[in-house]
Amino acid sequence: MQATRGSIQFLGRLTGGGALACDGEAMGRATFEIDGFRTRTGEVVGSGEIRMTPAELDHAFGRTNLTLTTDDGRVLTVRFSGKRHNASDSAAHADIAGDLPPAKDWRR
C-alpha cells in the first residue's frame, strides 16, 4: 500500500551498504536505510540514516560533494542534515538523491 502525505508519496525503504567518498577521497564503509518519496513533480528523493564508525562519520560530516557508491553499483549523492551533537554516534540523518531506483522498484 502506498501512503501519500499532501503532495509527497511514500515509496518504501532501501537498505544496504556501500562506500562513502568526497571528491574521490574515501571516507569509509557505510550502511544505510533510506525512505523513498516521489514529489508532486515526479522526482524520486530519499531521506534516511547513514551509519559508519564514529570516527569516519565525524570525518565525513559537514562535507559537500559526498557520494555513496552502493554495493549494487548505484551512485547516490549524500547531504547530511541536522547537526552532529555527539561525536561518538555512529549514525546521522541525510538527504539522498542521485541514482535512486524508479518509483515502481521500491520495497514496500
N, C-alpha and C. Protein backbone atom coordinates (compact mmCIF):
# COMPACT_ATOMS: atom_id res chain seq x y z
N MET A 1 0.84 -1.19 0.00
CA MET A 1 0.00 0.00 0.00
C MET A 1 0.88 1.24 0.00
N GLN A 2 0.59 2.18 -0.84
CA GLN A 2 1.35 3.41 -0.92
C GLN A 2 0.65 4.48 -0.09
N ALA A 3 1.42 5.11 0.78
CA ALA A 3 0.87 6.18 1.60
C ALA A 3 1.20 7.52 0.95
N THR A 4 0.26 8.43 1.00
CA THR A 4 0.53 9.76 0.50
C THR A 4 0.31 10.75 1.62
N ARG A 5 1.12 11.76 1.61
CA ARG A 5 1.00 12.84 2.60
C ARG A 5 1.11 14.13 1.82
N GLY A 6 -0.01 14.80 1.64
CA GLY A 6 -0.01 16.01 0.82
C GLY A 6 0.35 15.64 -0.60
N SER A 7 1.39 16.29 -1.11
CA SER A 7 1.79 16.03 -2.48
C SER A 7 3.02 15.13 -2.56
N ILE A 8 3.42 14.53 -1.43
CA ILE A 8 4.56 13.62 -1.39
C ILE A 8 4.04 12.20 -1.22
N GLN A 9 4.54 11.27 -2.02
CA GLN A 9 4.12 9.87 -1.94
C GLN A 9 5.26 9.02 -1.39
N PHE A 10 5.01 8.31 -0.29
CA PHE A 10 5.99 7.39 0.26
C PHE A 10 6.09 6.17 -0.65
N LEU A 11 7.32 5.79 -1.02
CA LEU A 11 7.53 4.68 -1.95
C LEU A 11 7.97 3.40 -1.26
N GLY A 12 8.70 3.52 -0.17
CA GLY A 12 9.23 2.34 0.51
C GLY A 12 10.61 2.63 1.06
N ARG A 13 11.29 1.54 1.43
CA ARG A 13 12.60 1.67 2.07
C ARG A 13 13.66 0.91 1.29
N LEU A 14 14.84 1.51 1.22
CA LEU A 14 16.00 0.92 0.58
C LEU A 14 17.07 0.77 1.65
N THR A 15 17.63 -0.44 1.79
CA THR A 15 18.68 -0.68 2.78
C THR A 15 19.87 -1.34 2.10
N GLY A 16 21.03 -1.17 2.69
CA GLY A 16 22.21 -1.81 2.12
C GLY A 16 23.49 -1.21 2.66
N GLY A 17 24.54 -1.40 1.89
CA GLY A 17 25.85 -0.89 2.27
C GLY A 17 26.57 -0.36 1.06
N GLY A 18 27.69 0.30 1.33
CA GLY A 18 28.48 0.86 0.24
C GLY A 18 29.66 1.65 0.76
N ALA A 19 30.29 2.38 -0.14
CA ALA A 19 31.48 3.17 0.19
C ALA A 19 31.14 4.65 0.04
N LEU A 20 31.41 5.42 1.11
CA LEU A 20 31.19 6.85 1.07
C LEU A 20 32.49 7.54 0.68
N ALA A 21 32.38 8.52 -0.22
CA ALA A 21 33.56 9.26 -0.67
C ALA A 21 33.21 10.74 -0.81
N CYS A 22 34.25 11.57 -0.79
CA CYS A 22 34.09 13.00 -1.00
C CYS A 22 35.13 13.44 -2.03
N ASP A 23 34.66 13.87 -3.18
CA ASP A 23 35.57 14.29 -4.26
C ASP A 23 36.64 13.23 -4.53
N GLY A 24 36.26 11.97 -4.52
CA GLY A 24 37.18 10.88 -4.80
C GLY A 24 37.97 10.37 -3.60
N GLU A 25 37.91 11.07 -2.47
CA GLU A 25 38.61 10.63 -1.26
C GLU A 25 37.71 9.69 -0.46
N ALA A 26 38.19 8.49 -0.18
CA ALA A 26 37.41 7.51 0.57
C ALA A 26 37.16 8.01 1.98
N MET A 27 35.90 7.94 2.40
CA MET A 27 35.51 8.33 3.75
C MET A 27 35.29 7.09 4.62
N GLY A 28 35.03 5.93 3.98
CA GLY A 28 34.83 4.70 4.74
C GLY A 28 33.61 3.93 4.27
N ARG A 29 33.45 2.80 4.86
CA ARG A 29 32.33 1.90 4.59
C ARG A 29 31.10 2.41 5.35
N ALA A 30 29.94 2.36 4.70
CA ALA A 30 28.71 2.85 5.31
C ALA A 30 27.58 1.87 5.06
N THR A 31 26.64 1.83 5.98
CA THR A 31 25.36 1.17 5.75
C THR A 31 24.29 2.25 5.75
N PHE A 32 23.15 1.93 5.15
CA PHE A 32 22.11 2.95 5.01
C PHE A 32 20.72 2.35 5.09
N GLU A 33 19.79 3.18 5.53
CA GLU A 33 18.35 2.94 5.46
C GLU A 33 17.75 4.21 4.91
N ILE A 34 17.18 4.12 3.72
CA ILE A 34 16.66 5.31 3.03
C ILE A 34 15.18 5.11 2.76
N ASP A 35 14.37 6.06 3.18
CA ASP A 35 12.96 6.09 2.81
C ASP A 35 12.85 6.87 1.51
N GLY A 36 12.15 6.30 0.54
CA GLY A 36 12.00 6.95 -0.76
C GLY A 36 10.65 7.64 -0.88
N PHE A 37 10.67 8.77 -1.56
CA PHE A 37 9.46 9.56 -1.77
C PHE A 37 9.42 10.06 -3.21
N ARG A 38 8.21 10.15 -3.76
CA ARG A 38 8.03 10.77 -5.06
C ARG A 38 7.37 12.13 -4.82
N THR A 39 8.02 13.18 -5.33
CA THR A 39 7.47 14.53 -5.16
C THR A 39 6.33 14.75 -6.15
N ARG A 40 5.62 15.83 -5.98
CA ARG A 40 4.50 16.11 -6.90
C ARG A 40 4.98 16.31 -8.33
N THR A 41 6.26 16.62 -8.51
CA THR A 41 6.81 16.78 -9.86
C THR A 41 7.28 15.44 -10.44
N GLY A 42 7.19 14.35 -9.64
CA GLY A 42 7.59 13.04 -10.12
C GLY A 42 9.01 12.66 -9.78
N GLU A 43 9.77 13.55 -9.17
CA GLU A 43 11.15 13.27 -8.79
C GLU A 43 11.17 12.31 -7.60
N VAL A 44 12.10 11.34 -7.64
CA VAL A 44 12.29 10.42 -6.53
C VAL A 44 13.44 10.94 -5.67
N VAL A 45 13.16 11.13 -4.38
CA VAL A 45 14.16 11.62 -3.42
C VAL A 45 14.18 10.69 -2.22
N GLY A 46 15.26 10.75 -1.45
CA GLY A 46 15.37 9.89 -0.29
C GLY A 46 15.76 10.66 0.95
N SER A 47 15.39 10.09 2.08
CA SER A 47 15.72 10.65 3.37
C SER A 47 15.96 9.48 4.30
N GLY A 48 17.08 9.51 5.03
CA GLY A 48 17.32 8.37 5.89
C GLY A 48 18.55 8.49 6.75
N GLU A 49 19.07 7.34 7.11
CA GLU A 49 20.17 7.27 8.06
C GLU A 49 21.39 6.61 7.43
N ILE A 50 22.53 7.22 7.64
CA ILE A 50 23.81 6.68 7.22
C ILE A 50 24.55 6.25 8.48
N ARG A 51 25.09 5.03 8.48
CA ARG A 51 25.84 4.53 9.64
C ARG A 51 27.28 4.21 9.22
N MET A 52 28.21 4.68 10.04
CA MET A 52 29.64 4.44 9.85
C MET A 52 30.28 4.38 11.23
N THR A 53 31.56 4.06 11.28
CA THR A 53 32.23 4.17 12.58
C THR A 53 32.16 5.64 12.99
N PRO A 54 32.11 5.92 14.29
CA PRO A 54 32.02 7.31 14.72
C PRO A 54 33.15 8.19 14.16
N ALA A 55 34.37 7.69 14.11
CA ALA A 55 35.49 8.49 13.60
C ALA A 55 35.31 8.80 12.12
N GLU A 56 34.89 7.81 11.32
CA GLU A 56 34.69 8.03 9.89
C GLU A 56 33.52 8.99 9.65
N LEU A 57 32.45 8.82 10.41
CA LEU A 57 31.30 9.69 10.27
C LEU A 57 31.66 11.12 10.64
N ASP A 58 32.43 11.28 11.69
CA ASP A 58 32.87 12.60 12.11
C ASP A 58 33.72 13.27 11.02
N HIS A 59 34.56 12.48 10.36
CA HIS A 59 35.41 12.99 9.28
C HIS A 59 34.58 13.42 8.06
N ALA A 60 33.49 12.70 7.78
CA ALA A 60 32.67 12.97 6.61
C ALA A 60 31.62 14.05 6.85
N PHE A 61 31.17 14.18 8.09
CA PHE A 61 30.07 15.09 8.41
C PHE A 61 30.44 16.53 8.07
N GLY A 62 29.49 17.23 7.43
CA GLY A 62 29.69 18.63 7.09
C GLY A 62 30.35 18.87 5.74
N ARG A 63 30.82 17.81 5.10
CA ARG A 63 31.44 17.97 3.78
C ARG A 63 30.38 18.06 2.69
N THR A 64 30.77 18.67 1.60
CA THR A 64 29.90 18.71 0.43
C THR A 64 30.47 17.74 -0.60
N ASN A 65 29.74 17.48 -1.64
CA ASN A 65 30.15 16.57 -2.72
C ASN A 65 30.35 15.14 -2.25
N LEU A 66 29.54 14.69 -1.29
CA LEU A 66 29.62 13.30 -0.83
C LEU A 66 28.85 12.39 -1.77
N THR A 67 29.44 11.25 -2.07
CA THR A 67 28.75 10.22 -2.86
C THR A 67 28.84 8.90 -2.13
N LEU A 68 27.78 8.14 -2.22
CA LEU A 68 27.73 6.79 -1.67
C LEU A 68 27.57 5.84 -2.84
N THR A 69 28.60 5.03 -3.09
CA THR A 69 28.52 4.02 -4.13
C THR A 69 28.06 2.74 -3.46
N THR A 70 26.84 2.32 -3.77
CA THR A 70 26.25 1.17 -3.09
C THR A 70 26.86 -0.13 -3.61
N ASP A 71 26.69 -1.19 -2.84
CA ASP A 71 27.21 -2.49 -3.23
C ASP A 71 26.63 -2.98 -4.55
N ASP A 72 25.44 -2.49 -4.91
CA ASP A 72 24.85 -2.91 -6.20
C ASP A 72 25.14 -1.91 -7.32
N GLY A 73 26.06 -0.95 -7.07
CA GLY A 73 26.55 -0.09 -8.14
C GLY A 73 25.88 1.26 -8.31
N ARG A 74 24.91 1.58 -7.51
CA ARG A 74 24.27 2.90 -7.61
C ARG A 74 25.20 3.96 -7.02
N VAL A 75 25.17 5.16 -7.60
CA VAL A 75 25.94 6.28 -7.06
C VAL A 75 24.93 7.31 -6.57
N LEU A 76 24.88 7.48 -5.25
CA LEU A 76 23.92 8.37 -4.61
C LEU A 76 24.64 9.60 -4.07
N THR A 77 23.99 10.74 -4.16
CA THR A 77 24.55 11.93 -3.52
C THR A 77 23.99 12.00 -2.10
N VAL A 78 24.86 12.40 -1.18
CA VAL A 78 24.51 12.43 0.24
C VAL A 78 24.75 13.83 0.78
N ARG A 79 23.77 14.34 1.49
CA ARG A 79 23.93 15.61 2.20
C ARG A 79 23.44 15.39 3.62
N PHE A 80 24.37 15.44 4.57
CA PHE A 80 23.97 15.29 5.96
C PHE A 80 23.12 16.47 6.36
N SER A 81 22.02 16.20 7.05
CA SER A 81 21.13 17.25 7.51
C SER A 81 21.12 17.25 9.03
N GLY A 82 20.82 18.36 9.58
CA GLY A 82 20.84 18.48 11.03
C GLY A 82 22.25 18.74 11.55
N LYS A 83 22.39 18.64 12.85
CA LYS A 83 23.68 18.88 13.50
C LYS A 83 24.20 17.58 14.09
N ARG A 84 25.48 17.50 14.23
CA ARG A 84 26.11 16.34 14.86
C ARG A 84 26.38 16.73 16.30
N HIS A 85 25.55 16.23 17.21
CA HIS A 85 25.64 16.62 18.62
C HIS A 85 26.64 15.79 19.40
N ASN A 86 26.86 14.56 18.98
CA ASN A 86 27.70 13.66 19.76
C ASN A 86 28.66 12.93 18.82
N ALA A 87 29.95 13.20 18.95
CA ALA A 87 30.95 12.60 18.06
C ALA A 87 31.08 11.09 18.24
N SER A 88 30.45 10.53 19.27
CA SER A 88 30.52 9.08 19.45
C SER A 88 29.35 8.36 18.78
N ASP A 89 28.42 9.10 18.19
CA ASP A 89 27.30 8.48 17.46
C ASP A 89 27.81 7.85 16.17
N SER A 90 27.22 6.73 15.81
CA SER A 90 27.61 6.04 14.58
C SER A 90 26.60 6.24 13.46
N ALA A 91 25.58 7.08 13.67
CA ALA A 91 24.55 7.31 12.65
C ALA A 91 24.24 8.79 12.53
N ALA A 92 23.88 9.19 11.32
CA ALA A 92 23.46 10.57 11.09
C ALA A 92 22.38 10.59 10.01
N HIS A 93 21.50 11.57 10.10
CA HIS A 93 20.43 11.72 9.12
C HIS A 93 20.99 12.38 7.86
N ALA A 94 20.49 11.95 6.70
CA ALA A 94 20.96 12.52 5.44
C ALA A 94 19.82 12.59 4.43
N ASP A 95 19.94 13.55 3.53
CA ASP A 95 19.07 13.65 2.36
C ASP A 95 19.83 13.00 1.21
N ILE A 96 19.13 12.19 0.44
CA ILE A 96 19.75 11.37 -0.59
C ILE A 96 19.11 11.67 -1.95
N ALA A 97 19.94 11.77 -2.97
CA ALA A 97 19.47 11.95 -4.35
C ALA A 97 20.40 11.16 -5.26
N GLY A 98 20.28 11.37 -6.54
CA GLY A 98 21.15 10.67 -7.48
C GLY A 98 20.47 9.47 -8.09
N ASP A 99 21.19 8.38 -8.18
CA ASP A 99 20.74 7.18 -8.88
C ASP A 99 19.82 6.32 -8.00
N LEU A 100 18.75 6.93 -7.51
CA LEU A 100 17.76 6.18 -6.73
C LEU A 100 16.89 5.35 -7.67
N PRO A 101 16.37 4.22 -7.19
CA PRO A 101 15.50 3.40 -8.06
C PRO A 101 14.26 4.17 -8.49
N PRO A 102 13.69 3.79 -9.64
CA PRO A 102 12.42 4.42 -10.04
C PRO A 102 11.33 4.05 -9.03
N ALA A 103 10.27 4.82 -9.01
CA ALA A 103 9.20 4.66 -8.03
C ALA A 103 8.68 3.23 -7.94
N LYS A 104 8.56 2.53 -9.06
CA LYS A 104 7.98 1.18 -9.06
C LYS A 104 8.88 0.12 -8.44
N ASP A 105 10.16 0.42 -8.23
CA ASP A 105 11.11 -0.59 -7.75
C ASP A 105 11.42 -0.51 -6.26
N TRP A 106 10.71 0.30 -5.51
CA TRP A 106 10.96 0.41 -4.07
C TRP A 106 10.22 -0.71 -3.33
N ARG A 107 10.86 -1.25 -2.27
CA ARG A 107 10.23 -2.27 -1.42
C ARG A 107 9.25 -1.58 -0.49
N ARG A 108 8.07 -2.10 -0.45
CA ARG A 108 7.04 -1.51 0.43
C ARG A 108 6.82 -2.40 1.61
